[in-house]
Amino acid sequence: MKSTVLTSSSITLRANYNIPIVIIIAGIALILWSLILALVVTVFGIFLLIQANLIKLTFTPTTLDVYRGEKLIRTFPYSEWENWVIFWQPIPILLYFKEVNSIHFLPIIFDPNTLKECLEKYCSFKK
Protein backbone atom coordinates (compact mmCIF):
# COMPACT_ATOMS: atom_id res chain seq x y z
CA MET A 1 0.00 0.00 0.00
CA LYS A 2 1.40 3.40 -0.96
CA SER A 3 1.85 5.87 1.85
CA THR A 4 1.31 9.07 -0.10
CA VAL A 5 -0.89 10.65 -2.69
CA LEU A 6 1.03 12.74 -5.22
CA THR A 7 -0.73 15.58 -6.98
CA SER A 8 1.41 17.78 -9.21
CA SER A 9 4.18 18.85 -6.82
CA SER A 10 2.37 18.19 -3.53
CA ILE A 11 2.39 15.16 -1.24
CA THR A 12 -0.64 14.20 0.87
CA LEU A 13 0.09 11.85 3.75
CA ARG A 14 -2.11 8.82 4.29
CA ALA A 15 -3.63 8.08 7.68
CA ASN A 16 -1.82 5.81 10.13
CA TYR A 17 -4.00 4.16 12.79
CA ASN A 18 -1.25 2.66 14.99
CA ILE A 19 -1.33 5.24 17.79
CA PRO A 20 -5.15 5.45 18.06
CA ILE A 21 -5.45 1.65 18.14
CA VAL A 22 -2.75 1.28 20.81
CA ILE A 23 -4.44 3.97 22.92
CA ILE A 24 -7.84 2.26 22.59
CA ILE A 25 -6.33 -1.10 23.59
CA ALA A 26 -4.58 0.54 26.55
CA GLY A 27 -7.86 2.15 27.56
CA ILE A 28 -9.66 -1.17 27.49
CA ALA A 29 -6.87 -2.76 29.54
CA LEU A 30 -7.20 0.01 32.13
CA ILE A 31 -10.70 -1.22 33.00
CA LEU A 32 -9.01 -3.59 35.46
CA TRP A 33 -7.47 -0.63 37.27
CA SER A 34 -9.88 2.32 36.94
CA LEU A 35 -13.13 2.52 35.01
CA ILE A 36 -13.04 6.32 34.73
CA LEU A 37 -9.43 6.39 33.51
CA ALA A 38 -10.20 3.56 31.07
CA LEU A 39 -13.13 5.53 29.68
CA VAL A 40 -11.08 8.73 29.26
CA VAL A 41 -8.19 6.94 27.54
CA THR A 42 -10.51 4.94 25.26
CA VAL A 43 -12.48 8.05 24.25
CA PHE A 44 -9.21 9.84 23.47
CA GLY A 45 -8.14 6.90 21.28
CA ILE A 46 -11.46 6.98 19.45
CA PHE A 47 -11.08 10.75 18.98
CA LEU A 48 -7.64 10.22 17.40
CA LEU A 49 -9.04 7.44 15.20
CA ILE A 50 -11.72 9.81 13.89
CA GLN A 51 -9.15 12.58 13.39
CA ALA A 52 -6.93 10.20 11.41
CA ASN A 53 -9.84 9.72 9.01
CA LEU A 54 -10.76 13.40 8.79
CA ILE A 55 -7.48 15.35 8.87
CA LYS A 56 -5.05 15.30 5.95
CA LEU A 57 -1.60 16.89 5.75
CA THR A 58 -0.41 18.07 2.35
CA PHE A 59 3.15 19.18 1.75
CA THR A 60 3.44 21.68 -1.12
CA PRO A 61 6.67 23.32 -2.29
CA THR A 62 6.05 26.33 0.01
CA THR A 63 3.54 25.32 2.71
CA LEU A 64 2.18 22.55 4.90
CA ASP A 65 -1.58 22.55 4.34
CA VAL A 66 -4.03 20.97 6.78
CA TYR A 67 -7.36 19.75 5.42
CA ARG A 68 -10.50 18.50 7.12
CA GLY A 69 -11.99 16.36 4.41
CA GLU A 70 -11.70 18.49 1.27
CA LYS A 71 -11.71 21.84 3.12
CA LEU A 72 -8.42 23.66 3.73
CA ILE A 73 -8.43 24.68 7.40
CA ARG A 74 -4.86 25.91 7.98
CA THR A 75 -1.68 26.74 6.09
CA PHE A 76 1.81 26.77 7.59
CA PRO A 77 4.39 28.48 5.30
CA TYR A 78 7.82 26.86 5.65
CA SER A 79 9.38 30.34 5.59
CA GLU A 80 7.96 30.89 9.11
CA TRP A 81 9.23 27.58 10.55
CA GLU A 82 12.13 27.78 12.98
CA ASN A 83 12.42 24.14 14.05
CA TRP A 84 10.75 20.73 13.93
CA VAL A 85 11.24 17.48 15.84
CA ILE A 86 9.58 14.07 15.71
CA PHE A 87 9.50 12.80 19.28
CA TRP A 88 10.45 9.31 20.30
CA GLN A 89 12.12 7.88 17.23
CA PRO A 90 11.70 4.15 18.00
CA ILE A 91 7.95 4.70 17.69
CA PRO A 92 7.18 8.21 16.43
CA ILE A 93 4.24 9.56 18.41
CA LEU A 94 4.38 13.36 18.24
CA LEU A 95 5.44 16.05 15.76
CA TYR A 96 6.55 19.36 17.22
CA PHE A 97 7.21 22.36 15.04
CA LYS A 98 7.87 25.98 15.93
CA GLU A 99 6.92 28.91 13.80
CA VAL A 100 8.05 32.48 14.34
CA ASN A 101 5.02 33.29 16.54
CA SER A 102 3.67 29.92 17.69
CA ILE A 103 4.40 26.29 18.46
CA HIS A 104 2.43 23.25 17.34
CA PHE A 105 2.15 19.63 18.47
CA LEU A 106 0.52 17.01 16.26
CA PRO A 107 0.03 13.35 17.11
CA ILE A 108 1.51 11.10 14.44
CA ILE A 109 -1.75 9.90 12.88
CA PHE A 110 -0.11 9.98 9.46
CA ASP A 111 2.50 7.77 7.83
CA PRO A 112 5.57 8.57 9.97
CA ASN A 113 8.18 7.62 7.35
CA THR A 114 6.70 9.81 4.65
CA LEU A 115 6.17 12.59 7.19
CA LYS A 116 9.88 12.53 8.09
CA GLU A 117 10.90 12.40 4.41
CA CYS A 118 8.71 15.41 3.61
CA LEU A 119 9.99 17.40 6.59
CA GLU A 120 13.57 16.68 5.57
CA LYS A 121 12.81 17.59 1.96
CA TYR A 122 10.89 20.81 2.57
CA CYS A 123 12.24 21.96 5.93
CA SER A 124 15.74 20.52 6.19
CA PHE A 125 17.16 24.00 6.51
CA LYS A 126 15.06 24.50 9.65
CA LYS A 127 16.05 21.41 11.61
C-alpha atoms as a PDB file:
ATOM      1  CA  MET A   1       0.000   0.000   0.000  1.00  0.00           C
ATOM      2  CA  LYS A   2       1.402   3.395  -0.957  1.00  0.00           C
ATOM      3  CA  SER A   3       1.848   5.872   1.846  1.00  0.00           C
ATOM      4  CA  THR A   4       1.312   9.072  -0.101  1.00  0.00           C
ATOM      5  CA  VAL A   5      -0.894  10.646  -2.686  1.00  0.00           C
ATOM      6  CA  LEU A   6       1.027  12.739  -5.216  1.00  0.00           C
ATOM      7  CA  THR A   7      -0.735  15.577  -6.977  1.00  0.00           C
ATOM      8  CA  SER A   8       1.414  17.777  -9.207  1.00  0.00           C
ATOM      9  CA  SER A   9       4.183  18.852  -6.817  1.00  0.00           C
ATOM     10  CA  SER A  10       2.374  18.186  -3.527  1.00  0.00           C
ATOM     11  CA  ILE A  11       2.394  15.163  -1.242  1.00  0.00           C
ATOM     12  CA  THR A  12      -0.636  14.205   0.867  1.00  0.00           C
ATOM     13  CA  LEU A  13       0.093  11.849   3.746  1.00  0.00           C
ATOM     14  CA  ARG A  14      -2.106   8.823   4.293  1.00  0.00           C
ATOM     15  CA  ALA A  15      -3.630   8.078   7.678  1.00  0.00           C
ATOM     16  CA  ASN A  16      -1.824   5.806  10.134  1.00  0.00           C
ATOM     17  CA  TYR A  17      -3.998   4.157  12.791  1.00  0.00           C
ATOM     18  CA  ASN A  18      -1.254   2.658  14.989  1.00  0.00           C
ATOM     19  CA  ILE A  19      -1.328   5.239  17.786  1.00  0.00           C
ATOM     20  CA  PRO A  20      -5.145   5.445  18.063  1.00  0.00           C
ATOM     21  CA  ILE A  21      -5.454   1.648  18.141  1.00  0.00           C
ATOM     22  CA  VAL A  22      -2.753   1.279  20.806  1.00  0.00           C
ATOM     23  CA  ILE A  23      -4.441   3.970  22.921  1.00  0.00           C
ATOM     24  CA  ILE A  24      -7.840   2.257  22.586  1.00  0.00           C
ATOM     25  CA  ILE A  25      -6.333  -1.099  23.585  1.00  0.00           C
ATOM     26  CA  ALA A  26      -4.576   0.541  26.552  1.00  0.00           C
ATOM     27  CA  GLY A  27      -7.863   2.150  27.560  1.00  0.00           C
ATOM     28  CA  ILE A  28      -9.659  -1.167  27.487  1.00  0.00           C
ATOM     29  CA  ALA A  29      -6.868  -2.760  29.539  1.00  0.00           C
ATOM     30  CA  LEU A  30      -7.198   0.015  32.134  1.00  0.00           C
ATOM     31  CA  ILE A  31     -10.704  -1.222  32.999  1.00  0.00           C
ATOM     32  CA  LEU A  32      -9.011  -3.587  35.455  1.00  0.00           C
ATOM     33  CA  TRP A  33      -7.473  -0.630  37.273  1.00  0.00           C
ATOM     34  CA  SER A  34      -9.882   2.323  36.942  1.00  0.00           C
ATOM     35  CA  LEU A  35     -13.129   2.516  35.008  1.00  0.00           C
ATOM     36  CA  ILE A  36     -13.039   6.317  34.727  1.00  0.00           C
ATOM     37  CA  LEU A  37      -9.426   6.387  33.508  1.00  0.00           C
ATOM     38  CA  ALA A  38     -10.201   3.562  31.074  1.00  0.00           C
ATOM     39  CA  LEU A  39     -13.134   5.529  29.678  1.00  0.00           C
ATOM     40  CA  VAL A  40     -11.076   8.732  29.265  1.00  0.00           C
ATOM     41  CA  VAL A  41      -8.187   6.943  27.538  1.00  0.00           C
ATOM     42  CA  THR A  42     -10.506   4.944  25.258  1.00  0.00           C
ATOM     43  CA  VAL A  43     -12.483   8.048  24.254  1.00  0.00           C
ATOM     44  CA  PHE A  44      -9.207   9.841  23.474  1.00  0.00           C
ATOM     45  CA  GLY A  45      -8.135   6.901  21.278  1.00  0.00           C
ATOM     46  CA  ILE A  46     -11.465   6.984  19.451  1.00  0.00           C
ATOM     47  CA  PHE A  47     -11.085  10.752  18.979  1.00  0.00           C
ATOM     48  CA  LEU A  48      -7.639  10.215  17.397  1.00  0.00           C
ATOM     49  CA  LEU A  49      -9.043   7.436  15.201  1.00  0.00           C
ATOM     50  CA  ILE A  50     -11.721   9.808  13.895  1.00  0.00           C
ATOM     51  CA  GLN A  51      -9.149  12.581  13.385  1.00  0.00           C
ATOM     52  CA  ALA A  52      -6.926  10.198  11.413  1.00  0.00           C
ATOM     53  CA  ASN A  53      -9.844   9.722   9.014  1.00  0.00           C
ATOM     54  CA  LEU A  54     -10.759  13.403   8.790  1.00  0.00           C
ATOM     55  CA  ILE A  55      -7.479  15.350   8.873  1.00  0.00           C
ATOM     56  CA  LYS A  56      -5.046  15.299   5.947  1.00  0.00           C
ATOM     57  CA  LEU A  57      -1.596  16.892   5.749  1.00  0.00           C
ATOM     58  CA  THR A  58      -0.409  18.066   2.348  1.00  0.00           C
ATOM     59  CA  PHE A  59       3.155  19.180   1.750  1.00  0.00           C
ATOM     60  CA  THR A  60       3.439  21.680  -1.120  1.00  0.00           C
ATOM     61  CA  PRO A  61       6.673  23.319  -2.285  1.00  0.00           C
ATOM     62  CA  THR A  62       6.053  26.332   0.005  1.00  0.00           C
ATOM     63  CA  THR A  63       3.540  25.319   2.713  1.00  0.00           C
ATOM     64  CA  LEU A  64       2.179  22.552   4.899  1.00  0.00           C
ATOM     65  CA  ASP A  65      -1.585  22.545   4.344  1.00  0.00           C
ATOM     66  CA  VAL A  66      -4.027  20.970   6.779  1.00  0.00           C
ATOM     67  CA  TYR A  67      -7.361  19.752   5.416  1.00  0.00           C
ATOM     68  CA  ARG A  68     -10.500  18.505   7.121  1.00  0.00           C
ATOM     69  CA  GLY A  69     -11.985  16.363   4.410  1.00  0.00           C
ATOM     70  CA  GLU A  70     -11.697  18.489   1.270  1.00  0.00           C
ATOM     71  CA  LYS A  71     -11.709  21.840   3.117  1.00  0.00           C
ATOM     72  CA  LEU A  72      -8.422  23.655   3.730  1.00  0.00           C
ATOM     73  CA  ILE A  73      -8.429  24.684   7.404  1.00  0.00           C
ATOM     74  CA  ARG A  74      -4.855  25.908   7.978  1.00  0.00           C
ATOM     75  CA  THR A  75      -1.682  26.737   6.088  1.00  0.00           C
ATOM     76  CA  PHE A  76       1.808  26.769   7.586  1.00  0.00           C
ATOM     77  CA  PRO A  77       4.390  28.482   5.301  1.00  0.00           C
ATOM     78  CA  TYR A  78       7.823  26.862   5.645  1.00  0.00           C
ATOM     79  CA  SER A  79       9.381  30.341   5.594  1.00  0.00           C
ATOM     80  CA  GLU A  80       7.957  30.889   9.108  1.00  0.00           C
ATOM     81  CA  TRP A  81       9.226  27.585  10.551  1.00  0.00           C
ATOM     82  CA  GLU A  82      12.128  27.780  12.976  1.00  0.00           C
ATOM     83  CA  ASN A  83      12.422  24.139  14.050  1.00  0.00           C
ATOM     84  CA  TRP A  84      10.752  20.726  13.927  1.00  0.00           C
ATOM     85  CA  VAL A  85      11.237  17.481  15.845  1.00  0.00           C
ATOM     86  CA  ILE A  86       9.576  14.070  15.706  1.00  0.00           C
ATOM     87  CA  PHE A  87       9.500  12.802  19.279  1.00  0.00           C
ATOM     88  CA  TRP A  88      10.453   9.306  20.304  1.00  0.00           C
ATOM     89  CA  GLN A  89      12.118   7.879  17.234  1.00  0.00           C
ATOM     90  CA  PRO A  90      11.698   4.154  17.998  1.00  0.00           C
ATOM     91  CA  ILE A  91       7.947   4.696  17.691  1.00  0.00           C
ATOM     92  CA  PRO A  92       7.177   8.211  16.430  1.00  0.00           C
ATOM     93  CA  ILE A  93       4.243   9.565  18.405  1.00  0.00           C
ATOM     94  CA  LEU A  94       4.381  13.361  18.236  1.00  0.00           C
ATOM     95  CA  LEU A  95       5.435  16.049  15.755  1.00  0.00           C
ATOM     96  CA  TYR A  96       6.551  19.360  17.220  1.00  0.00           C
ATOM     97  CA  PHE A  97       7.213  22.363  15.035  1.00  0.00           C
ATOM     98  CA  LYS A  98       7.869  25.977  15.935  1.00  0.00           C
ATOM     99  CA  GLU A  99       6.922  28.907  13.804  1.00  0.00           C
ATOM    100  CA  VAL A 100       8.045  32.480  14.340  1.00  0.00           C
ATOM    101  CA  ASN A 101       5.019  33.295  16.536  1.00  0.00           C
ATOM    102  CA  SER A 102       3.675  29.920  17.690  1.00  0.00           C
ATOM    103  CA  ILE A 103       4.397  26.293  18.461  1.00  0.00           C
ATOM    104  CA  HIS A 104       2.430  23.251  17.344  1.00  0.00           C
ATOM    105  CA  PHE A 105       2.145  19.634  18.473  1.00  0.00           C
ATOM    106  CA  LEU A 106       0.518  17.012  16.258  1.00  0.00           C
ATOM    107  CA  PRO A 107       0.031  13.350  17.109  1.00  0.00           C
ATOM    108  CA  ILE A 108       1.510  11.098  14.440  1.00  0.00           C
ATOM    109  CA  ILE A 109      -1.755   9.897  12.884  1.00  0.00           C
ATOM    110  CA  PHE A 110      -0.106   9.985   9.462  1.00  0.00           C
ATOM    111  CA  ASP A 111       2.495   7.767   7.829  1.00  0.00           C
ATOM    112  CA  PRO A 112       5.574   8.570   9.968  1.00  0.00           C
ATOM    113  CA  ASN A 113       8.180   7.616   7.354  1.00  0.00           C
ATOM    114  CA  THR A 114       6.703   9.812   4.649  1.00  0.00           C
ATOM    115  CA  LEU A 115       6.170  12.592   7.191  1.00  0.00           C
ATOM    116  CA  LYS A 116       9.878  12.535   8.092  1.00  0.00           C
ATOM    117  CA  GLU A 117      10.898  12.399   4.413  1.00  0.00           C
ATOM    118  CA  CYS A 118       8.706  15.412   3.614  1.00  0.00           C
ATOM    119  CA  LEU A 119       9.986  17.400   6.586  1.00  0.00           C
ATOM    120  CA  GLU A 120      13.574  16.679   5.575  1.00  0.00           C
ATOM    121  CA  LYS A 121      12.813  17.594   1.961  1.00  0.00           C
ATOM    122  CA  TYR A 122      10.887  20.811   2.571  1.00  0.00           C
ATOM    123  CA  CYS A 123      12.240  21.963   5.931  1.00  0.00           C
ATOM    124  CA  SER A 124      15.742  20.518   6.192  1.00  0.00           C
ATOM    125  CA  PHE A 125      17.159  24.002   6.506  1.00  0.00           C
ATOM    126  CA  LYS A 126      15.059  24.500   9.649  1.00  0.00           C
ATOM    127  CA  LYS A 127      16.048  21.409  11.609  1.00  0.00           C
END
